[in-house]
Amino acid sequence: MTVEEWVPRLAAELGIEDEIDIDAILAIAGDVAHAVERKAAPVSAFVIGLAAGRAGGTPEAVAEAIRATRDLAGG
């Protein structure tokens, strides 16, 4: 199964109807992995999702959490 197949199935199972921007999540995970350490990438993705959810779960909240993470990671 590919990530493109997995993510929509997972989202549906968890009751998430919004489209997930896989490319954006992979990009920020790569940024964190290179700027911090590899193990920080999946944990950061989780924290981004948690923060975005607490901020309303909108695409804008996700984008803001990604932006803040990128800024903190240095770029």
N, C-alpha and C. Protein backbone atom coordinates (compact mmCIF):
# COMPACT_ATOMS: atom_id res chain seq x y z
N MET A 1 0.85 -1.18 0.00
CA MET A 1 0.00 0.00 0.00
C MET A 1 0.89 1.24 0.00
N THR A 2 0.52 2.22 -0.78
CA THR A 2 1.28 3.46 -0.86
C THR A 2 0.77 4.47 0.17
N VAL A 3 1.54 5.50 0.40
CA VAL A 3 1.11 6.56 1.32
C VAL A 3 -0.15 7.25 0.79
N GLU A 4 -0.25 7.37 -0.53
CA GLU A 4 -1.43 7.99 -1.13
C GLU A 4 -2.69 7.15 -0.92
N GLU A 5 -2.53 5.86 -0.78
CA GLU A 5 -3.66 4.98 -0.47
C GLU A 5 -3.93 4.93 1.03
N TRP A 6 -2.86 4.90 1.81
CA TRP A 6 -2.96 4.75 3.25
C TRP A 6 -3.58 5.96 3.95
N VAL A 7 -3.10 7.15 3.62
CA VAL A 7 -3.52 8.34 4.35
C VAL A 7 -5.03 8.58 4.26
N PRO A 8 -5.66 8.50 3.09
CA PRO A 8 -7.12 8.68 3.06
C PRO A 8 -7.87 7.60 3.86
N ARG A 9 -7.37 6.38 3.81
CA ARG A 9 -8.00 5.30 4.60
C ARG A 9 -7.88 5.58 6.08
N LEU A 10 -6.69 5.99 6.50
CA LEU A 10 -6.47 6.31 7.91
C LEU A 10 -7.34 7.48 8.34
N ALA A 11 -7.36 8.53 7.52
CA ALA A 11 -8.16 9.71 7.84
C ALA A 11 -9.63 9.32 8.00
N ALA A 12 -10.15 8.55 7.08
CA ALA A 12 -11.55 8.13 7.16
C ALA A 12 -11.80 7.31 8.42
N GLU A 13 -10.91 6.41 8.75
CA GLU A 13 -11.04 5.58 9.95
C GLU A 13 -11.07 6.43 11.22
N LEU A 14 -10.33 7.53 11.20
CA LEU A 14 -10.24 8.41 12.36
C LEU A 14 -11.28 9.54 12.33
N GLY A 15 -12.14 9.51 11.34
CA GLY A 15 -13.21 10.49 11.27
C GLY A 15 -12.79 11.84 10.73
N ILE A 16 -11.71 11.88 9.97
CA ILE A 16 -11.23 13.13 9.39
C ILE A 16 -11.70 13.19 7.94
N GLU A 17 -12.49 14.22 7.63
CA GLU A 17 -13.05 14.35 6.29
C GLU A 17 -12.21 15.26 5.39
N ASP A 18 -11.38 16.10 6.00
CA ASP A 18 -10.56 17.02 5.20
C ASP A 18 -9.50 16.27 4.42
N GLU A 19 -9.14 16.82 3.28
CA GLU A 19 -8.04 16.25 2.50
C GLU A 19 -6.72 16.53 3.22
N ILE A 20 -5.86 15.55 3.23
CA ILE A 20 -4.55 15.68 3.89
C ILE A 20 -3.52 16.04 2.83
N ASP A 21 -2.76 17.10 3.06
CA ASP A 21 -1.71 17.52 2.13
C ASP A 21 -0.45 16.72 2.44
N ILE A 22 -0.35 15.56 1.83
CA ILE A 22 0.75 14.64 2.08
C ILE A 22 2.09 15.30 1.75
N ASP A 23 2.15 16.01 0.64
CA ASP A 23 3.42 16.64 0.24
C ASP A 23 3.90 17.65 1.27
N ALA A 24 2.98 18.44 1.82
CA ALA A 24 3.37 19.43 2.84
C ALA A 24 3.89 18.76 4.10
N ILE A 25 3.23 17.68 4.52
CA ILE A 25 3.67 16.97 5.72
C ILE A 25 5.03 16.32 5.49
N LEU A 26 5.22 15.71 4.33
CA LEU A 26 6.52 15.10 4.03
C LEU A 26 7.62 16.15 3.95
N ALA A 27 7.29 17.31 3.40
CA ALA A 27 8.29 18.37 3.27
C ALA A 27 8.72 18.87 4.65
N ILE A 28 7.77 19.13 5.55
CA ILE A 28 8.16 19.63 6.87
C ILE A 28 8.87 18.54 7.66
N ALA A 29 8.47 17.30 7.48
CA ALA A 29 9.18 16.20 8.15
C ALA A 29 10.63 16.14 7.68
N GLY A 30 10.85 16.34 6.38
CA GLY A 30 12.21 16.36 5.85
C GLY A 30 13.01 17.53 6.39
N ASP A 31 12.37 18.69 6.46
CA ASP A 31 13.05 19.87 7.01
C ASP A 31 13.49 19.62 8.45
N VAL A 32 12.58 19.07 9.25
CA VAL A 32 12.90 18.80 10.66
C VAL A 32 13.97 17.73 10.77
N ALA A 33 13.86 16.70 9.97
CA ALA A 33 14.86 15.61 10.03
C ALA A 33 16.26 16.13 9.75
N HIS A 34 16.38 17.08 8.82
CA HIS A 34 17.70 17.62 8.48
C HIS A 34 18.16 18.70 9.45
N ALA A 35 17.23 19.49 9.96
CA ALA A 35 17.61 20.61 10.82
C ALA A 35 17.76 20.22 12.28
N VAL A 36 17.03 19.20 12.70
CA VAL A 36 17.06 18.80 14.11
C VAL A 36 17.70 17.42 14.18
N GLU A 37 16.92 16.38 14.06
CA GLU A 37 17.41 15.01 13.93
C GLU A 37 16.28 14.18 13.35
N ARG A 38 16.64 13.07 12.79
CA ARG A 38 15.68 12.23 12.09
C ARG A 38 14.49 11.83 12.97
N LYS A 39 14.74 11.47 14.21
CA LYS A 39 13.67 11.04 15.11
C LYS A 39 12.68 12.16 15.40
N ALA A 40 13.08 13.39 15.22
CA ALA A 40 12.18 14.51 15.49
C ALA A 40 11.10 14.66 14.41
N ALA A 41 11.32 14.09 13.24
CA ALA A 41 10.37 14.28 12.14
C ALA A 41 8.98 13.72 12.43
N PRO A 42 8.83 12.43 12.78
CA PRO A 42 7.47 11.95 13.03
C PRO A 42 6.84 12.57 14.27
N VAL A 43 7.63 12.85 15.27
CA VAL A 43 7.09 13.47 16.48
C VAL A 43 6.61 14.88 16.16
N SER A 44 7.38 15.60 15.36
CA SER A 44 6.98 16.95 14.96
C SER A 44 5.70 16.92 14.14
N ALA A 45 5.57 15.94 13.25
CA ALA A 45 4.34 15.82 12.46
C ALA A 45 3.14 15.61 13.38
N PHE A 46 3.31 14.80 14.41
CA PHE A 46 2.25 14.59 15.38
C PHE A 46 1.90 15.89 16.10
N VAL A 47 2.91 16.61 16.55
CA VAL A 47 2.68 17.86 17.28
C VAL A 47 2.02 18.89 16.36
N ILE A 48 2.42 18.95 15.11
CA ILE A 48 1.77 19.84 14.14
C ILE A 48 0.29 19.52 14.04
N GLY A 49 -0.04 18.25 13.92
CA GLY A 49 -1.43 17.83 13.83
C GLY A 49 -2.21 18.17 15.09
N LEU A 50 -1.60 17.95 16.22
CA LEU A 50 -2.25 18.25 17.50
C LEU A 50 -2.52 19.76 17.62
N ALA A 51 -1.51 20.56 17.29
CA ALA A 51 -1.67 22.02 17.36
C ALA A 51 -2.74 22.49 16.37
N ALA A 52 -2.70 21.96 15.17
CA ALA A 52 -3.68 22.36 14.16
C ALA A 52 -5.09 21.97 14.59
N GLY A 53 -5.23 20.80 15.17
CA GLY A 53 -6.53 20.35 15.65
C GLY A 53 -7.06 21.25 16.75
N ARG A 54 -6.19 21.62 17.66
CA ARG A 54 -6.60 22.50 18.76
C ARG A 54 -6.94 23.90 18.27
N ALA A 55 -6.37 24.28 17.12
CA ALA A 55 -6.64 25.60 16.55
C ALA A 55 -7.84 25.58 15.59
N GLY A 56 -8.57 24.48 15.58
CA GLY A 56 -9.77 24.41 14.75
C GLY A 56 -9.72 23.39 13.64
N GLY A 57 -8.53 22.89 13.33
CA GLY A 57 -8.40 21.83 12.34
C GLY A 57 -8.59 22.26 10.91
N THR A 58 -8.58 23.55 10.66
CA THR A 58 -8.76 24.03 9.29
C THR A 58 -7.46 23.89 8.51
N PRO A 59 -7.55 23.94 7.17
CA PRO A 59 -6.32 23.94 6.38
C PRO A 59 -5.39 25.09 6.77
N GLU A 60 -5.98 26.23 7.14
CA GLU A 60 -5.17 27.38 7.57
C GLU A 60 -4.44 27.09 8.88
N ALA A 61 -5.09 26.37 9.78
CA ALA A 61 -4.46 26.01 11.05
C ALA A 61 -3.29 25.05 10.81
N VAL A 62 -3.47 24.14 9.88
CA VAL A 62 -2.39 23.21 9.52
C VAL A 62 -1.23 24.00 8.93
N ALA A 63 -1.53 24.89 7.98
CA ALA A 63 -0.49 25.70 7.34
C ALA A 63 0.26 26.54 8.37
N GLU A 64 -0.45 27.11 9.33
CA GLU A 64 0.19 27.92 10.36
C GLU A 64 1.10 27.07 11.25
N ALA A 65 0.66 25.88 11.62
CA ALA A 65 1.48 25.00 12.44
C ALA A 65 2.74 24.57 11.67
N ILE A 66 2.59 24.31 10.39
CA ILE A 66 3.75 23.96 9.56
C ILE A 66 4.70 25.15 9.46
N ARG A 67 4.16 26.35 9.24
CA ARG A 67 5.00 27.55 9.14
C ARG A 67 5.78 27.78 10.43
N ALA A 68 5.10 27.66 11.56
CA ALA A 68 5.76 27.88 12.85
C ALA A 68 6.86 26.84 13.07
N THR A 69 6.59 25.60 12.67
CA THR A 69 7.59 24.54 12.80
C THR A 69 8.79 24.80 11.93
N ARG A 70 8.52 25.20 10.69
CA ARG A 70 9.61 25.50 9.76
C ARG A 70 10.46 26.64 10.28
N ASP A 71 9.82 27.69 10.82
CA ASP A 71 10.56 28.82 11.38
C ASP A 71 11.44 28.37 12.55
N LEU A 72 10.88 27.56 13.43
CA LEU A 72 11.63 27.09 14.59
C LEU A 72 12.81 26.22 14.18
N ALA A 73 12.60 25.42 13.13
CA ALA A 73 13.67 24.53 12.65
C ALA A 73 14.74 25.29 11.86
N GLY A 74 14.49 26.56 11.61
CA GLY A 74 15.51 27.37 10.95
C GLY A 74 15.34 27.52 9.46
N GLY A 75 14.13 27.48 8.99
CA GLY A 75 14.05 27.78 7.60
C GLY A 75 12.98 27.28 6.80
